[in-house]
N, C-alpha and C. Protein backbone atom coordinates (compact mmCIF):
# COMPACT_ATOMS: atom_id res chain seq x y z
N UNK A 1 0.82 -1.17 0.00
CA UNK A 1 -0.03 -0.01 0.03
C UNK A 1 0.89 1.27 0.08
N UNK A 2 0.66 2.15 -0.74
CA UNK A 2 1.24 3.35 -0.93
C UNK A 2 0.56 4.58 -0.35
N UNK A 3 1.26 5.42 0.33
CA UNK A 3 0.69 6.60 0.96
C UNK A 3 1.25 7.91 0.22
N UNK A 4 0.30 8.65 -0.21
CA UNK A 4 0.78 9.88 -1.03
C UNK A 4 0.33 11.13 -0.14
N UNK A 5 1.47 11.96 -0.02
CA UNK A 5 1.24 13.23 0.75
C UNK A 5 0.91 14.30 -0.25
N UNK A 6 -0.41 14.68 -0.38
CA UNK A 6 -0.88 15.74 -1.14
C UNK A 6 -1.52 16.70 -0.25
N UNK A 7 -0.83 17.88 0.10
CA UNK A 7 -1.32 18.88 1.00
C UNK A 7 -2.53 19.49 0.40
N UNK A 8 -3.56 19.69 1.34
CA UNK A 8 -4.75 20.40 0.97
C UNK A 8 -4.69 21.80 1.47
N UNK A 9 -3.81 22.11 2.48
CA UNK A 9 -3.66 23.50 2.90
C UNK A 9 -2.19 23.69 3.27
N UNK A 10 -1.68 24.89 3.11
CA UNK A 10 -0.41 25.32 3.47
C UNK A 10 -0.48 26.73 4.14
N UNK A 11 0.03 26.86 5.23
CA UNK A 11 0.18 28.24 5.89
C UNK A 11 1.58 28.48 6.37
N UNK A 12 2.03 29.71 6.51
CA UNK A 12 3.31 30.01 7.06
C UNK A 12 3.22 31.11 8.08
N UNK A 13 4.11 30.95 9.04
CA UNK A 13 4.18 31.90 10.14
C UNK A 13 5.64 32.16 10.49
N UNK A 14 6.26 33.24 9.87
CA UNK A 14 7.62 33.51 10.01
C UNK A 14 8.34 32.40 9.27
N UNK A 15 9.31 31.69 10.06
CA UNK A 15 10.18 30.73 9.43
C UNK A 15 9.52 29.22 9.60
N UNK A 16 8.24 29.23 9.93
CA UNK A 16 7.54 27.89 10.11
C UNK A 16 6.43 27.77 9.14
N UNK A 17 6.36 26.70 8.45
CA UNK A 17 5.42 26.37 7.39
C UNK A 17 4.67 25.09 7.80
N UNK A 18 3.32 25.26 7.82
CA UNK A 18 2.44 24.18 8.20
C UNK A 18 1.73 23.68 6.94
N UNK A 19 1.86 22.37 6.66
CA UNK A 19 1.12 21.77 5.47
C UNK A 19 0.17 20.64 6.14
N UNK A 20 -1.06 20.56 5.64
CA UNK A 20 -2.08 19.62 6.19
C UNK A 20 -2.72 18.87 4.99
N UNK A 21 -3.06 17.69 5.27
CA UNK A 21 -3.68 16.88 4.31
C UNK A 21 -4.31 15.63 4.90
N UNK A 22 -4.74 14.76 3.95
CA UNK A 22 -5.17 13.42 4.39
C UNK A 22 -5.13 12.56 3.19
N UNK A 23 -5.30 11.11 3.52
CA UNK A 23 -5.12 10.20 2.38
C UNK A 23 -6.46 10.27 1.60
N UNK A 24 -6.45 9.68 0.49
CA UNK A 24 -7.59 9.79 -0.56
C UNK A 24 -8.85 9.17 -0.01
N UNK A 25 -8.76 8.22 0.99
CA UNK A 25 -10.01 7.68 1.63
C UNK A 25 -10.41 8.47 2.91
N UNK A 26 -9.59 9.54 3.19
CA UNK A 26 -9.92 10.36 4.39
C UNK A 26 -9.86 9.53 5.68
N UNK A 27 -9.14 8.58 5.84
CA UNK A 27 -8.86 7.66 6.97
C UNK A 27 -7.77 8.21 7.83
N UNK A 28 -6.82 8.82 7.19
CA UNK A 28 -5.60 9.23 7.86
C UNK A 28 -5.41 10.76 7.63
N UNK A 29 -5.26 11.44 8.72
CA UNK A 29 -4.98 12.97 8.42
C UNK A 29 -3.53 13.11 8.92
N UNK A 30 -2.84 14.11 8.32
CA UNK A 30 -1.43 14.36 8.69
C UNK A 30 -1.29 15.90 8.71
N UNK A 31 -0.29 16.32 9.45
CA UNK A 31 0.19 17.74 9.52
C UNK A 31 1.70 17.71 9.54
N UNK A 32 2.34 18.43 8.81
CA UNK A 32 3.82 18.66 8.75
C UNK A 32 4.06 20.05 9.12
N UNK A 33 5.06 20.18 10.02
CA UNK A 33 5.52 21.50 10.53
C UNK A 33 7.04 21.64 10.10
N UNK A 34 7.25 22.47 9.21
CA UNK A 34 8.73 22.62 8.73
C UNK A 34 9.32 23.97 9.28
N UNK A 35 10.47 23.93 9.72
CA UNK A 35 11.27 25.13 10.06
C UNK A 35 12.28 25.32 9.01
N UNK A 36 12.28 26.59 8.57
CA UNK A 36 13.22 27.02 7.46
C UNK A 36 14.23 28.07 7.93
N UNK A 37 15.44 27.69 7.56
CA UNK A 37 16.57 28.71 7.81
C UNK A 37 17.15 28.92 6.41
N UNK A 38 17.22 30.32 6.00
CA UNK A 38 17.89 30.59 4.90
C UNK A 38 17.23 30.03 3.66
N UNK A 39 15.94 29.72 3.71
CA UNK A 39 15.27 28.89 2.63
C UNK A 39 15.35 27.45 2.61
N UNK A 40 16.09 26.83 3.67
CA UNK A 40 16.35 25.53 3.67
C UNK A 40 15.56 24.84 4.79
N UNK A 41 14.85 23.75 4.52
CA UNK A 41 14.19 23.11 5.64
C UNK A 41 15.33 22.57 6.62
N UNK A 42 15.15 22.87 7.86
CA UNK A 42 16.17 22.53 8.81
C UNK A 42 15.52 21.64 9.94
N UNK A 43 14.18 21.56 9.94
CA UNK A 43 13.55 20.68 10.98
C UNK A 43 12.22 20.35 10.47
N UNK A 44 11.77 19.18 10.62
CA UNK A 44 10.46 18.61 10.15
C UNK A 44 9.82 17.80 11.38
N UNK A 45 8.54 18.39 11.62
CA UNK A 45 7.78 17.62 12.67
C UNK A 45 6.66 17.02 11.91
N UNK A 46 6.24 15.76 12.16
CA UNK A 46 5.23 15.10 11.44
C UNK A 46 4.21 14.55 12.45
N UNK A 47 2.91 14.75 12.16
CA UNK A 47 1.80 14.35 13.13
C UNK A 47 0.77 13.65 12.28
N UNK A 48 0.42 12.38 12.70
CA UNK A 48 -0.65 11.53 12.12
C UNK A 48 -1.79 11.47 12.96
N UNK A 49 -3.02 11.71 12.31
CA UNK A 49 -4.25 11.55 13.08
C UNK A 49 -4.16 12.40 14.52
N UNK A 50 -3.64 13.58 14.53
CA UNK A 50 -3.60 14.36 15.71
C UNK A 50 -4.17 15.78 15.27
N UNK A 51 -5.01 16.25 16.28
CA UNK A 51 -5.57 17.62 16.10
C UNK A 51 -4.51 18.52 16.53
N UNK A 52 -3.88 19.39 15.72
CA UNK A 52 -2.84 20.27 15.99
C UNK A 52 -3.35 21.74 15.96
N UNK A 53 -2.96 22.44 17.15
CA UNK A 53 -3.22 23.92 17.25
C UNK A 53 -1.89 24.57 17.34
N UNK A 54 -1.63 25.54 16.47
CA UNK A 54 -0.49 26.39 16.58
C UNK A 54 -0.81 27.67 17.41
N UNK A 55 0.12 28.01 18.39
CA UNK A 55 -0.06 29.15 19.05
C UNK A 55 1.23 30.05 19.00
N UNK A 56 1.02 31.37 19.16
CA UNK A 56 2.19 32.13 19.14
C UNK A 56 2.49 32.64 20.66
N UNK A 57 3.79 32.38 21.08
CA UNK A 57 4.05 32.81 22.47
C UNK A 57 4.04 34.30 22.48
N UNK A 58 3.51 34.91 23.49
CA UNK A 58 3.43 36.31 23.66
C UNK A 58 4.62 36.79 24.40
N UNK A 59 4.95 38.14 24.26
CA UNK A 59 6.01 38.76 24.88
C UNK A 59 5.69 39.20 26.19
N UNK A 60 6.39 38.97 27.23
CA UNK A 60 6.14 39.40 28.54
C UNK A 60 7.09 40.64 28.79
N UNK A 61 6.49 41.85 28.71
CA UNK A 61 7.30 43.04 28.80
C UNK A 61 7.37 43.63 30.25
N UNK A 62 7.20 42.76 31.28
CA UNK A 62 7.34 43.23 32.57
C UNK A 62 8.78 43.68 32.91
N UNK A 63 8.99 44.68 33.65
CA UNK A 63 10.31 45.07 34.08
C UNK A 63 10.76 44.09 35.16
N UNK A 64 12.06 43.55 35.02
CA UNK A 64 12.47 42.68 36.05
C UNK A 64 12.62 43.34 37.39
N UNK A 65 12.28 42.65 38.47
CA UNK A 65 12.39 43.14 39.81
C UNK A 65 13.57 42.49 40.51
N UNK A 66 14.10 43.17 41.39
CA UNK A 66 15.31 42.84 42.11
C UNK A 66 14.79 41.84 43.34
N UNK A 67 13.54 42.00 43.79
CA UNK A 67 13.22 41.17 44.88
C UNK A 67 12.99 39.65 44.53
N UNK A 68 13.42 38.82 45.44
CA UNK A 68 13.38 37.37 45.25
C UNK A 68 11.93 36.89 44.96
N UNK A 69 10.91 37.41 45.80
CA UNK A 69 9.60 37.03 45.64
C UNK A 69 9.03 37.29 44.19
N UNK A 70 9.53 38.40 43.63
CA UNK A 70 9.00 38.75 42.27
C UNK A 70 9.65 37.89 41.25
N UNK A 71 10.88 37.44 41.48
CA UNK A 71 11.63 36.58 40.53
C UNK A 71 10.99 35.21 40.57
N UNK A 72 10.47 34.77 41.66
CA UNK A 72 9.84 33.46 41.76
C UNK A 72 8.42 33.49 41.25
N UNK A 73 7.83 34.62 41.00
CA UNK A 73 6.43 34.67 40.51
C UNK A 73 6.32 34.28 39.10
N UNK A 74 5.40 33.50 38.80
CA UNK A 74 5.03 32.92 37.45
C UNK A 74 3.95 33.97 36.87
N UNK A 75 4.40 34.68 35.79
CA UNK A 75 3.59 35.53 35.17
C UNK A 75 2.81 34.84 34.01
N UNK A 76 1.52 35.32 33.82
CA UNK A 76 0.84 34.67 32.70
C UNK A 76 1.29 35.25 31.38
N UNK A 77 1.20 34.39 30.48
CA UNK A 77 1.68 34.81 29.05
C UNK A 77 0.45 34.44 28.12
N UNK A 78 0.20 35.46 27.27
CA UNK A 78 -0.88 35.24 26.41
C UNK A 78 -0.35 34.39 25.12
N UNK A 79 -1.04 33.36 24.76
CA UNK A 79 -0.58 32.56 23.61
C UNK A 79 -1.81 32.42 22.67
N UNK A 80 -2.09 33.37 21.77
CA UNK A 80 -3.20 33.26 20.87
C UNK A 80 -2.96 32.08 19.94
N UNK A 81 -4.15 31.46 19.67
CA UNK A 81 -4.18 30.45 18.56
C UNK A 81 -4.17 31.08 17.22
N UNK A 82 -3.19 30.63 16.34
CA UNK A 82 -3.12 31.24 15.08
C UNK A 82 -3.39 30.32 13.99
N UNK A 83 -3.47 28.98 14.13
CA UNK A 83 -3.90 27.97 13.23
C UNK A 83 -4.38 26.78 13.95
N UNK A 84 -5.34 26.07 13.34
CA UNK A 84 -5.80 24.74 13.81
C UNK A 84 -6.13 23.90 12.75
N UNK A 85 -5.69 22.54 12.80
CA UNK A 85 -5.95 21.64 11.81
C UNK A 85 -7.37 21.43 11.66
N UNK A 86 -7.83 21.04 10.44
CA UNK A 86 -9.21 20.72 10.22
C UNK A 86 -9.51 19.39 9.72
N UNK A 87 -8.49 18.66 9.18
CA UNK A 87 -8.74 17.34 8.58
C UNK A 87 -8.85 16.26 9.76
N UNK A 88 -8.24 16.53 10.90
CA UNK A 88 -8.33 15.55 11.90
C UNK A 88 -9.79 15.28 12.41
N UNK A 89 -10.61 16.41 12.32
CA UNK A 89 -12.04 16.17 12.76
C UNK A 89 -12.75 15.52 11.62
N UNK A 90 -12.21 15.37 10.36
CA UNK A 90 -13.06 14.86 9.23
C UNK A 90 -12.81 13.32 9.05
N UNK A 91 -11.88 12.83 9.84
CA UNK A 91 -11.51 11.32 9.62
C UNK A 91 -12.49 10.42 10.23
N UNK A 92 -13.45 11.01 11.07
CA UNK A 92 -14.53 10.20 11.64
C UNK A 92 -14.10 9.45 12.92
N UNK A 93 -13.14 9.84 13.54
CA UNK A 93 -12.69 9.14 14.86
C UNK A 93 -12.03 10.16 15.73
N UNK A 94 -12.03 9.85 17.00
CA UNK A 94 -11.51 10.77 18.03
C UNK A 94 -10.03 10.62 17.84
N UNK A 95 -9.35 11.84 17.84
CA UNK A 95 -7.81 11.82 17.83
C UNK A 95 -7.28 12.69 18.86
N UNK A 96 -5.99 12.43 19.31
CA UNK A 96 -5.41 13.34 20.31
C UNK A 96 -5.15 14.74 19.83
N UNK A 97 -5.03 15.69 20.73
CA UNK A 97 -4.79 17.04 20.45
C UNK A 97 -3.36 17.46 20.93
N UNK A 98 -2.78 18.33 20.31
CA UNK A 98 -1.47 18.84 20.55
C UNK A 98 -1.26 20.27 20.24
N UNK A 99 -0.57 21.01 21.04
CA UNK A 99 -0.35 22.45 20.90
C UNK A 99 1.02 22.63 20.39
N UNK A 100 1.37 23.35 19.42
CA UNK A 100 2.69 23.66 18.98
C UNK A 100 2.86 25.19 19.15
N UNK A 101 3.71 25.49 20.13
CA UNK A 101 3.92 26.94 20.49
C UNK A 101 5.16 27.42 19.60
N UNK A 102 4.95 28.44 18.92
CA UNK A 102 6.06 29.06 18.11
C UNK A 102 6.31 30.49 18.54
């Protein structure tokens, strides 16, 4: 049996490219996340039958404090969702979810 990767959607966010698709019978969904450096793919992440959500890490612009209690404090960071896979919900079965923070 041969599996063909034919992307149905492609999106880019800075140096990250997301490609998504499914097999011709819509039994298997897949998402690829490519990291590019100077136009060359330097990292590939591959997810099968996984609902992927891409979020962007927010900048925390708080001024650093010299007190130890402030240094130990965990500050909330806003991470908006910028992309969500769609084919994983179309394969007709429950799939695990994953968040990719960029």
